[in-house]
Amino acid sequence: MEKRGKADSKDEGVMSSSTWVENDRWPLLAKLVGEHCVFYVTKFSATLGRVTSREQTADFLVSTDSVISRMHARISYSVVEQAFEIEALGKNGIYVNGRYITRHNRPALLRSQVEIIMGSQRPIVMTFSLPSASTTEVHRRKHKQKLPTREINIVDRVGEALSGGGEDGKKTVDEITSTIWNRIFQNPKNPYRTKTSLVSGVRRVLQLNRYFMLDPVITPGVVRKWKVCPEHTKRFENSLSLSENDVGVTVMSNLSSFKRQKITT
């Protein structure tokens, strides 16, 4: 990108749409619309970050707030998904349509009118937009899978597993892993090929995220349990990714009902 804009400034660095649309050298692929800025995505990978005096800077400079990293997020086009996606690069993560994404998560798919939020004290709110009748959106509609698939957000899964039962919302790593595995093993978006690889992911999430803590009660000879930190319990209460719409849950419930019918007959 030869031009950059600041989210903090109302006029400085904001590029007019006519200049970019009429210039054949930079085809308009998508845009990010903020309160005081518009960023035009003209290549298949672009970074967003903090304004800095260093030589290496992001393609889109969104704020001077130190909460936002120099390289805070990356928007790129996925050939596999036939769509744009966004991944978090900064330690404080981003919100994509209300879903919290960290740099340990898989990228989130971007559809037109998706809301992206960065920062906390002075959050930068932007809307991702695709051109009308975008070939990307048309292609996705034509090739949309019939099965209800979901991206596997391991942080949310761990929180849901802890919130969904156990002794006062407390579970061991193995119990958390088993709960998650039973619900995602049939999901085509499942990035974990084996249950062993999922155990490693669960341990990493528990240790690196502020949402979870070890139960302070220590019993000799008993494996310690984890729980959701009290101040973050509401984050996982209304999550739907373990609902009956999930592929894994649907398959398991159908299988159980089939077995019951077979026994009764």
C-alpha atoms as a PDB file:
ATOM      1  CA  MET A   1       0.000   0.000   0.000  1.00  0.00           C
ATOM      2  CA  GLU A   2       1.425   3.327  -0.966  1.00  0.00           C
ATOM      3  CA  LYS A   3      -1.029   5.368   1.077  1.00  0.00           C
ATOM      4  CA  ARG A   4      -2.054   4.976   4.676  1.00  0.00           C
ATOM      5  CA  GLY A   5      -4.690   6.515   6.880  1.00  0.00           C
ATOM      6  CA  LYS A   6      -5.170   7.174  10.591  1.00  0.00           C
ATOM      7  CA  ALA A   7      -8.307   6.272  12.470  1.00  0.00           C
ATOM      8  CA  ASP A   8      -7.554   9.102  14.924  1.00  0.00           C
ATOM      9  CA  SER A   9      -7.711  11.802  12.275  1.00  0.00           C
ATOM     10  CA  LYS A  10     -10.850  12.942  10.522  1.00  0.00           C
ATOM     11  CA  ASP A  11      -9.159  14.295   7.401  1.00  0.00           C
ATOM     12  CA  GLU A  12      -5.514  13.322   7.411  1.00  0.00           C
ATOM     13  CA  GLY A  13      -4.731  10.214   5.397  1.00  0.00           C
ATOM     14  CA  VAL A  14      -8.332   9.478   4.372  1.00  0.00           C
ATOM     15  CA  MET A  15      -8.424   8.465   0.717  1.00  0.00           C
ATOM     16  CA  SER A  16     -11.269   9.441  -1.581  1.00  0.00           C
ATOM     17  CA  SER A  17     -13.138   6.610  -3.271  1.00  0.00           C
ATOM     18  CA  SER A  18     -13.117   8.264  -6.700  1.00  0.00           C
ATOM     19  CA  THR A  19      -9.313   8.418  -6.740  1.00  0.00           C
ATOM     20  CA  TRP A  20      -8.990   4.711  -6.022  1.00  0.00           C
ATOM     21  CA  VAL A  21     -11.832   3.348  -8.124  1.00  0.00           C
ATOM     22  CA  GLU A  22     -10.703   5.187 -11.233  1.00  0.00           C
ATOM     23  CA  ASN A  23      -7.090   4.074 -10.860  1.00  0.00           C
ATOM     24  CA  ASP A  24      -6.636   0.703 -12.603  1.00  0.00           C
ATOM     25  CA  ARG A  25      -3.348   0.037 -10.824  1.00  0.00           C
ATOM     26  CA  TRP A  26      -5.161  -0.538  -7.513  1.00  0.00           C
ATOM     27  CA  PRO A  27      -8.361  -2.566  -7.955  1.00  0.00           C
ATOM     28  CA  LEU A  28     -10.778  -2.098  -5.075  1.00  0.00           C
ATOM     29  CA  LEU A  29     -11.265  -5.479  -3.365  1.00  0.00           C
ATOM     30  CA  ALA A  30     -12.897  -4.357  -0.118  1.00  0.00           C
ATOM     31  CA  LYS A  31     -12.930  -1.485   2.346  1.00  0.00           C
ATOM     32  CA  LEU A  32     -12.934  -0.791   6.070  1.00  0.00           C
ATOM     33  CA  VAL A  33     -15.199   2.042   7.180  1.00  0.00           C
ATOM     34  CA  GLY A  34     -14.585   3.684  10.550  1.00  0.00           C
ATOM     35  CA  GLU A  35     -16.054   6.697  12.312  1.00  0.00           C
ATOM     36  CA  HIS A  36     -13.462   9.088  10.899  1.00  0.00           C
ATOM     37  CA  CYS A  37     -11.738   7.081   8.195  1.00  0.00           C
ATOM     38  CA  VAL A  38     -12.088   4.770   5.224  1.00  0.00           C
ATOM     39  CA  PHE A  39      -9.397   2.242   4.337  1.00  0.00           C
ATOM     40  CA  TYR A  40      -9.415   0.663   0.883  1.00  0.00           C
ATOM     41  CA  VAL A  41      -8.172  -2.907   0.553  1.00  0.00           C
ATOM     42  CA  THR A  42      -6.405  -3.154  -2.795  1.00  0.00           C
ATOM     43  CA  LYS A  43      -4.275  -6.253  -2.310  1.00  0.00           C
ATOM     44  CA  PHE A  44      -4.828  -9.768  -1.015  1.00  0.00           C
ATOM     45  CA  SER A  45      -3.054  -9.239   2.302  1.00  0.00           C
ATOM     46  CA  ALA A  46      -2.987  -6.083   4.421  1.00  0.00           C
ATOM     47  CA  THR A  47      -2.084  -5.379   8.046  1.00  0.00           C
ATOM     48  CA  LEU A  48      -3.676  -3.035  10.586  1.00  0.00           C
ATOM     49  CA  GLY A  49      -1.762  -1.521  13.473  1.00  0.00           C
ATOM     50  CA  ARG A  50      -0.678   1.375  15.656  1.00  0.00           C
ATOM     51  CA  VAL A  51       0.938   4.563  14.442  1.00  0.00           C
ATOM     52  CA  THR A  52       4.664   4.263  15.150  1.00  0.00           C
ATOM     53  CA  SER A  53       7.902   6.047  14.361  1.00  0.00           C
ATOM     54  CA  ARG A  54       9.596   2.795  13.392  1.00  0.00           C
ATOM     55  CA  GLU A  55      10.353   2.051   9.784  1.00  0.00           C
ATOM     56  CA  GLN A  56       8.242  -1.113   9.658  1.00  0.00           C
ATOM     57  CA  THR A  57       4.586  -0.106   9.951  1.00  0.00           C
ATOM     58  CA  ALA A  58       1.221  -1.626   9.154  1.00  0.00           C
ATOM     59  CA  ASP A  59      -0.568  -0.972   5.875  1.00  0.00           C
ATOM     60  CA  PHE A  60      -3.440   0.705   7.719  1.00  0.00           C
ATOM     61  CA  LEU A  61      -2.548   2.872  10.731  1.00  0.00           C
ATOM     62  CA  VAL A  62      -5.683   2.872  12.867  1.00  0.00           C
ATOM     63  CA  SER A  63      -4.675   4.507  16.171  1.00  0.00           C
ATOM     64  CA  THR A  64      -1.944   5.862  18.446  1.00  0.00           C
ATOM     65  CA  ASP A  65      -3.333   3.895  21.416  1.00  0.00           C
ATOM     66  CA  SER A  66      -0.637   1.689  22.982  1.00  0.00           C
ATOM     67  CA  VAL A  67      -3.232  -1.050  23.543  1.00  0.00           C
ATOM     68  CA  ILE A  68      -3.110  -1.636  19.793  1.00  0.00           C
ATOM     69  CA  SER A  69       0.069  -3.352  18.607  1.00  0.00           C
ATOM     70  CA  ARG A  70       2.250  -2.089  15.762  1.00  0.00           C
ATOM     71  CA  MET A  71       1.025  -5.098  13.797  1.00  0.00           C
ATOM     72  CA  HIS A  72      -2.349  -5.799  15.398  1.00  0.00           C
ATOM     73  CA  ALA A  73      -4.306  -7.706  12.753  1.00  0.00           C
ATOM     74  CA  ARG A  74      -4.034  -9.001   9.212  1.00  0.00           C
ATOM     75  CA  ILE A  75      -6.732  -9.191   6.560  1.00  0.00           C
ATOM     76  CA  SER A  76      -5.975 -11.688   3.805  1.00  0.00           C
ATOM     77  CA  TYR A  77      -7.762 -13.617   1.091  1.00  0.00           C
ATOM     78  CA  SER A  78      -8.158 -17.363   1.637  1.00  0.00           C
ATOM     79  CA  VAL A  79      -8.056 -19.410  -1.547  1.00  0.00           C
ATOM     80  CA  VAL A  80      -9.484 -22.394   0.320  1.00  0.00           C
ATOM     81  CA  GLU A  81     -12.465 -20.486   1.760  1.00  0.00           C
ATOM     82  CA  GLN A  82     -12.844 -18.242  -1.300  1.00  0.00           C
ATOM     83  CA  ALA A  83     -13.278 -15.301   1.051  1.00  0.00           C
ATOM     84  CA  PHE A  84     -11.375 -12.706   3.045  1.00  0.00           C
ATOM     85  CA  GLU A  85     -10.457 -13.538   6.632  1.00  0.00           C
ATOM     86  CA  ILE A  86      -8.893 -11.666   9.539  1.00  0.00           C
ATOM     87  CA  GLU A  87      -6.403 -12.915  12.109  1.00  0.00           C
ATOM     88  CA  ALA A  88      -5.197 -11.274  15.308  1.00  0.00           C
ATOM     89  CA  LEU A  89      -1.485 -10.492  15.524  1.00  0.00           C
ATOM     90  CA  GLY A  90      -1.443  -8.319  18.662  1.00  0.00           C
ATOM     91  CA  LYS A  91      -1.479  -9.639  22.205  1.00  0.00           C
ATOM     92  CA  ASN A  92      -4.793  -7.922  23.020  1.00  0.00           C
ATOM     93  CA  GLY A  93      -6.757  -9.558  20.222  1.00  0.00           C
ATOM     94  CA  ILE A  94      -9.744  -8.257  18.267  1.00  0.00           C
ATOM     95  CA  TYR A  95     -13.520  -8.609  18.231  1.00  0.00           C
ATOM     96  CA  VAL A  96     -15.162  -9.833  15.025  1.00  0.00           C
ATOM     97  CA  ASN A  97     -18.944  -9.450  15.144  1.00  0.00           C
ATOM     98  CA  GLY A  98     -18.786  -9.723  18.927  1.00  0.00           C
ATOM     99  CA  ARG A  99     -16.558 -12.795  18.934  1.00  0.00           C
ATOM    100  CA  TYR A 100     -13.185 -12.371  20.654  1.00  0.00           C
ATOM    101  CA  ILE A 101     -10.253 -13.554  18.534  1.00  0.00           C
ATOM    102  CA  THR A 102      -6.708 -13.935  19.866  1.00  0.00           C
ATOM    103  CA  ARG A 103      -3.498 -14.661  18.003  1.00  0.00           C
ATOM    104  CA  HIS A 104      -3.851 -18.272  19.151  1.00  0.00           C
ATOM    105  CA  ASN A 105      -7.150 -18.691  17.260  1.00  0.00           C
ATOM    106  CA  ARG A 106      -7.800 -19.554  13.660  1.00  0.00           C
ATOM    107  CA  PRO A 107      -8.592 -16.583  11.385  1.00  0.00           C
ATOM    108  CA  ALA A 108     -12.234 -15.476  11.276  1.00  0.00           C
ATOM    109  CA  LEU A 109     -14.050 -15.269   7.954  1.00  0.00           C
ATOM    110  CA  LEU A 110     -15.107 -11.817   6.807  1.00  0.00           C
ATOM    111  CA  ARG A 111     -18.400 -11.250   5.072  1.00  0.00           C
ATOM    112  CA  SER A 112     -19.788  -7.900   4.046  1.00  0.00           C
ATOM    113  CA  GLN A 113     -20.910  -5.659   6.938  1.00  0.00           C
ATOM    114  CA  VAL A 114     -18.915  -7.563   9.564  1.00  0.00           C
ATOM    115  CA  GLU A 115     -17.929  -5.352  12.519  1.00  0.00           C
ATOM    116  CA  ILE A 116     -14.303  -5.318  13.688  1.00  0.00           C
ATOM    117  CA  ILE A 117     -13.289  -3.768  17.032  1.00  0.00           C
ATOM    118  CA  MET A 118      -9.746  -3.117  18.273  1.00  0.00           C
ATOM    119  CA  GLY A 119      -8.641  -1.522  21.538  1.00  0.00           C
ATOM    120  CA  SER A 120     -10.426  -1.145  24.873  1.00  0.00           C
ATOM    121  CA  GLN A 121     -10.265   2.364  26.401  1.00  0.00           C
ATOM    122  CA  ARG A 122     -10.845   4.073  23.050  1.00  0.00           C
ATOM    123  CA  PRO A 123     -12.012   1.218  20.830  1.00  0.00           C
ATOM    124  CA  ILE A 124     -11.623   1.527  17.085  1.00  0.00           C
ATOM    125  CA  VAL A 125     -14.795   0.252  15.420  1.00  0.00           C
ATOM    126  CA  MET A 126     -14.736  -0.510  11.700  1.00  0.00           C
ATOM    127  CA  THR A 127     -17.091  -2.232   9.278  1.00  0.00           C
ATOM    128  CA  PHE A 128     -15.712  -4.533   6.595  1.00  0.00           C
ATOM    129  CA  SER A 129     -17.517  -4.115   3.278  1.00  0.00           C
ATOM    130  CA  LEU A 130     -17.291  -5.900  -0.044  1.00  0.00           C
ATOM    131  CA  PRO A 131     -18.300  -4.327  -3.364  1.00  0.00           C
ATOM    132  CA  SER A 132     -21.946  -4.969  -4.256  1.00  0.00           C
ATOM    133  CA  ALA A 133     -22.472  -8.227  -6.157  1.00  0.00           C
ATOM    134  CA  SER A 134     -18.994  -9.267  -5.096  1.00  0.00           C
ATOM    135  CA  THR A 135     -17.740 -12.353  -6.916  1.00  0.00           C
ATOM    136  CA  THR A 136     -16.461 -13.579  -3.566  1.00  0.00           C
ATOM    137  CA  GLU A 137     -19.942 -13.513  -2.014  1.00  0.00           C
ATOM    138  CA  VAL A 138     -21.547 -15.048  -5.119  1.00  0.00           C
ATOM    139  CA  HIS A 139     -18.986 -17.864  -5.162  1.00  0.00           C
ATOM    140  CA  ARG A 140     -19.559 -18.582  -1.475  1.00  0.00           C
ATOM    141  CA  ARG A 141     -23.329 -18.758  -1.934  1.00  0.00           C
ATOM    142  CA  LYS A 142     -23.003 -21.167  -4.861  1.00  0.00           C
ATOM    143  CA  HIS A 143     -20.599 -23.448  -3.023  1.00  0.00           C
ATOM    144  CA  LYS A 144     -22.087 -23.181   0.446  1.00  0.00           C
ATOM    145  CA  GLN A 145     -21.904 -26.493   2.280  1.00  0.00           C
ATOM    146  CA  LYS A 146     -25.209 -28.094   3.223  1.00  0.00           C
ATOM    147  CA  LEU A 147     -24.013 -29.279   6.612  1.00  0.00           C
ATOM    148  CA  PRO A 148     -24.048 -26.637   9.379  1.00  0.00           C
ATOM    149  CA  THR A 149     -20.356 -26.030   9.930  1.00  0.00           C
ATOM    150  CA  ARG A 150     -18.661 -23.766  12.466  1.00  0.00           C
ATOM    151  CA  GLU A 151     -15.159 -22.576  12.983  1.00  0.00           C
ATOM    152  CA  ILE A 152     -13.613 -24.220  16.013  1.00  0.00           C
ATOM    153  CA  ASN A 153     -12.776 -21.442  18.470  1.00  0.00           C
ATOM    154  CA  ILE A 154     -10.870 -23.364  21.136  1.00  0.00           C
ATOM    155  CA  VAL A 155     -11.052 -20.548  23.713  1.00  0.00           C
ATOM    156  CA  ASP A 156     -14.853 -20.500  23.525  1.00  0.00           C
ATOM    157  CA  ARG A 157     -14.968 -24.290  23.572  1.00  0.00           C
ATOM    158  CA  VAL A 158     -12.969 -24.500  26.781  1.00  0.00           C
ATOM    159  CA  GLY A 159     -15.178 -21.884  28.438  1.00  0.00           C
ATOM    160  CA  GLU A 160     -18.328 -23.667  27.302  1.00  0.00           C
ATOM    161  CA  ALA A 161     -17.046 -27.016  28.551  1.00  0.00           C
ATOM    162  CA  LEU A 162     -16.404 -25.521  31.989  1.00  0.00           C
ATOM    163  CA  SER A 163     -19.697 -23.642  32.058  1.00  0.00           C
ATOM    164  CA  GLY A 164     -21.686 -26.644  30.899  1.00  0.00           C
ATOM    165  CA  GLY A 165     -21.406 -28.821  33.983  1.00  0.00           C
ATOM    166  CA  GLY A 166     -19.020 -30.627  36.256  1.00  0.00           C
ATOM    167  CA  GLU A 167     -18.482 -30.099  39.949  1.00  0.00           C
ATOM    168  CA  ASP A 168     -19.367 -26.421  40.414  1.00  0.00           C
ATOM    169  CA  GLY A 169     -18.035 -25.674  36.941  1.00  0.00           C
ATOM    170  CA  LYS A 170     -14.681 -27.296  37.648  1.00  0.00           C
ATOM    171  CA  LYS A 171     -13.023 -29.865  35.396  1.00  0.00           C
ATOM    172  CA  THR A 172      -9.634 -31.419  34.776  1.00  0.00           C
ATOM    173  CA  VAL A 173      -7.816 -30.972  31.468  1.00  0.00           C
ATOM    174  CA  ASP A 174      -8.875 -34.478  30.388  1.00  0.00           C
ATOM    175  CA  GLU A 175     -12.525 -33.811  31.259  1.00  0.00           C
ATOM    176  CA  ILE A 176     -12.502 -30.543  29.318  1.00  0.00           C
ATOM    177  CA  THR A 177     -10.878 -32.247  26.329  1.00  0.00           C
ATOM    178  CA  SER A 178     -13.413 -35.102  26.309  1.00  0.00           C
ATOM    179  CA  THR A 179     -16.335 -32.668  26.449  1.00  0.00           C
ATOM    180  CA  ILE A 180     -14.986 -30.659  23.510  1.00  0.00           C
ATOM    181  CA  TRP A 181     -13.962 -33.681  21.440  1.00  0.00           C
ATOM    182  CA  ASN A 182     -17.414 -35.254  21.645  1.00  0.00           C
ATOM    183  CA  ARG A 183     -18.829 -32.153  19.979  1.00  0.00           C
ATOM    184  CA  ILE A 184     -16.295 -31.307  17.287  1.00  0.00           C
ATOM    185  CA  PHE A 185     -14.982 -34.597  15.943  1.00  0.00           C
ATOM    186  CA  GLN A 186     -17.586 -34.599  13.113  1.00  0.00           C
ATOM    187  CA  ASN A 187     -17.186 -30.921  12.286  1.00  0.00           C
ATOM    188  CA  PRO A 188     -15.372 -30.399   8.934  1.00  0.00           C
ATOM    189  CA  LYS A 189     -13.794 -27.282  10.440  1.00  0.00           C
ATOM    190  CA  ASN A 190     -12.165 -29.297  13.224  1.00  0.00           C
ATOM    191  CA  PRO A 191      -8.415 -28.467  13.071  1.00  0.00           C
ATOM    192  CA  TYR A 192      -7.506 -31.247  15.513  1.00  0.00           C
ATOM    193  CA  ARG A 193      -6.953 -34.619  13.853  1.00  0.00           C
ATOM    194  CA  THR A 194      -6.554 -36.521  17.094  1.00  0.00           C
ATOM    195  CA  LYS A 195      -7.717 -36.154  20.665  1.00  0.00           C
ATOM    196  CA  THR A 196      -4.063 -35.971  21.749  1.00  0.00           C
ATOM    197  CA  SER A 197      -3.479 -32.834  19.683  1.00  0.00           C
ATOM    198  CA  LEU A 198      -6.605 -31.307  21.220  1.00  0.00           C
ATOM    199  CA  VAL A 199      -5.234 -31.917  24.738  1.00  0.00           C
ATOM    200  CA  SER A 200      -2.204 -29.777  23.873  1.00  0.00           C
ATOM    201  CA  GLY A 201      -4.449 -27.017  22.559  1.00  0.00           C
ATOM    202  CA  VAL A 202      -6.616 -27.076  25.680  1.00  0.00           C
ATOM    203  CA  ARG A 203      -3.588 -26.882  27.988  1.00  0.00           C
ATOM    204  CA  ARG A 204      -2.182 -23.936  26.042  1.00  0.00           C
ATOM    205  CA  VAL A 205      -5.495 -22.067  26.182  1.00  0.00           C
ATOM    206  CA  LEU A 206      -5.882 -22.629  29.930  1.00  0.00           C
ATOM    207  CA  GLN A 207      -2.370 -21.397  30.658  1.00  0.00           C
ATOM    208  CA  LEU A 208      -2.295 -18.387  28.329  1.00  0.00           C
ATOM    209  CA  ASN A 209      -5.784 -16.898  28.700  1.00  0.00           C
ATOM    210  CA  ARG A 210      -6.979 -14.667  31.512  1.00  0.00           C
ATOM    211  CA  TYR A 211     -10.446 -16.235  31.387  1.00  0.00           C
ATOM    212  CA  PHE A 212      -9.416 -19.388  33.259  1.00  0.00           C
ATOM    213  CA  MET A 213      -7.773 -20.223  36.576  1.00  0.00           C
ATOM    214  CA  LEU A 214      -6.721 -23.278  38.567  1.00  0.00           C
ATOM    215  CA  ASP A 215      -9.022 -24.222  41.412  1.00  0.00           C
ATOM    216  CA  PRO A 216      -7.198 -23.054  44.584  1.00  0.00           C
ATOM    217  CA  VAL A 217      -8.357 -26.175  46.453  1.00  0.00           C
ATOM    218  CA  ILE A 218      -5.556 -28.756  46.449  1.00  0.00           C
ATOM    219  CA  THR A 219      -6.323 -32.367  47.362  1.00  0.00           C
ATOM    220  CA  PRO A 220      -3.344 -34.729  47.702  1.00  0.00           C
ATOM    221  CA  GLY A 221      -3.366 -37.399  45.006  1.00  0.00           C
ATOM    222  CA  VAL A 222      -6.131 -35.700  43.002  1.00  0.00           C
ATOM    223  CA  VAL A 223      -5.567 -33.944  39.662  1.00  0.00           C
ATOM    224  CA  ARG A 224      -6.202 -30.221  39.982  1.00  0.00           C
ATOM    225  CA  LYS A 225      -9.186 -28.755  38.199  1.00  0.00           C
ATOM    226  CA  TRP A 226      -9.723 -25.584  36.196  1.00  0.00           C
ATOM    227  CA  LYS A 227     -12.606 -23.133  36.241  1.00  0.00           C
ATOM    228  CA  VAL A 228     -13.717 -19.911  34.575  1.00  0.00           C
ATOM    229  CA  CYS A 229     -12.613 -16.784  36.439  1.00  0.00           C
ATOM    230  CA  PRO A 230     -15.645 -15.241  38.192  1.00  0.00           C
ATOM    231  CA  GLU A 231     -15.327 -11.949  36.310  1.00  0.00           C
ATOM    232  CA  HIS A 232     -15.530 -13.741  32.938  1.00  0.00           C
ATOM    233  CA  THR A 233     -18.412 -16.185  33.532  1.00  0.00           C
ATOM    234  CA  LYS A 234     -20.907 -14.114  31.524  1.00  0.00           C
ATOM    235  CA  ARG A 235     -18.685 -14.333  28.452  1.00  0.00           C
ATOM    236  CA  PHE A 236     -19.513 -18.020  27.997  1.00  0.00           C
ATOM    237  CA  GLU A 237     -23.085 -18.154  29.323  1.00  0.00           C
ATOM    238  CA  ASN A 238     -24.862 -17.278  26.085  1.00  0.00           C
ATOM    239  CA  SER A 239     -22.534 -18.981  23.633  1.00  0.00           C
ATOM    240  CA  LEU A 240     -24.250 -21.112  21.002  1.00  0.00           C
ATOM    241  CA  SER A 241     -21.355 -23.070  19.547  1.00  0.00           C
ATOM    242  CA  LEU A 242     -22.217 -26.107  21.673  1.00  0.00           C
ATOM    243  CA  SER A 243     -25.891 -25.919  20.731  1.00  0.00           C
ATOM    244  CA  GLU A 244     -27.915 -28.618  19.016  1.00  0.00           C
ATOM    245  CA  ASN A 245     -27.125 -26.948  15.681  1.00  0.00           C
ATOM    246  CA  ASP A 246     -23.521 -28.029  15.931  1.00  0.00           C
ATOM    247  CA  VAL A 247     -22.630 -30.902  13.633  1.00  0.00           C
ATOM    248  CA  GLY A 248     -21.011 -33.017  16.314  1.00  0.00           C
ATOM    249  CA  VAL A 249     -23.900 -32.639  18.752  1.00  0.00           C
ATOM    250  CA  THR A 250     -26.471 -33.359  16.043  1.00  0.00           C
ATOM    251  CA  VAL A 251     -24.708 -36.517  14.927  1.00  0.00           C
ATOM    252  CA  MET A 252     -24.338 -37.796  18.488  1.00  0.00           C
ATOM    253  CA  SER A 253     -27.962 -37.059  19.428  1.00  0.00           C
ATOM    254  CA  ASN A 254     -29.261 -38.753  16.276  1.00  0.00           C
ATOM    255  CA  LEU A 255     -27.093 -41.776  16.947  1.00  0.00           C
ATOM    256  CA  SER A 256     -28.359 -42.006  20.530  1.00  0.00           C
ATOM    257  CA  SER A 257     -32.007 -41.833  19.457  1.00  0.00           C
ATOM    258  CA  PHE A 258     -31.385 -44.504  16.822  1.00  0.00           C
ATOM    259  CA  LYS A 259     -29.902 -46.823  19.447  1.00  0.00           C
ATOM    260  CA  ARG A 260     -32.868 -46.267  21.760  1.00  0.00           C
ATOM    261  CA  GLN A 261     -35.318 -47.122  18.982  1.00  0.00           C
ATOM    262  CA  LYS A 262     -33.378 -50.254  18.118  1.00  0.00           C
ATOM    263  CA  ILE A 263     -33.438 -51.441  21.721  1.00  0.00           C
ATOM    264  CA  THR A 264     -37.162 -50.832  22.196  1.00  0.00           C
ATOM    265  CA  THR A 265     -38.055 -52.661  19.006  1.00  0.00           C
END
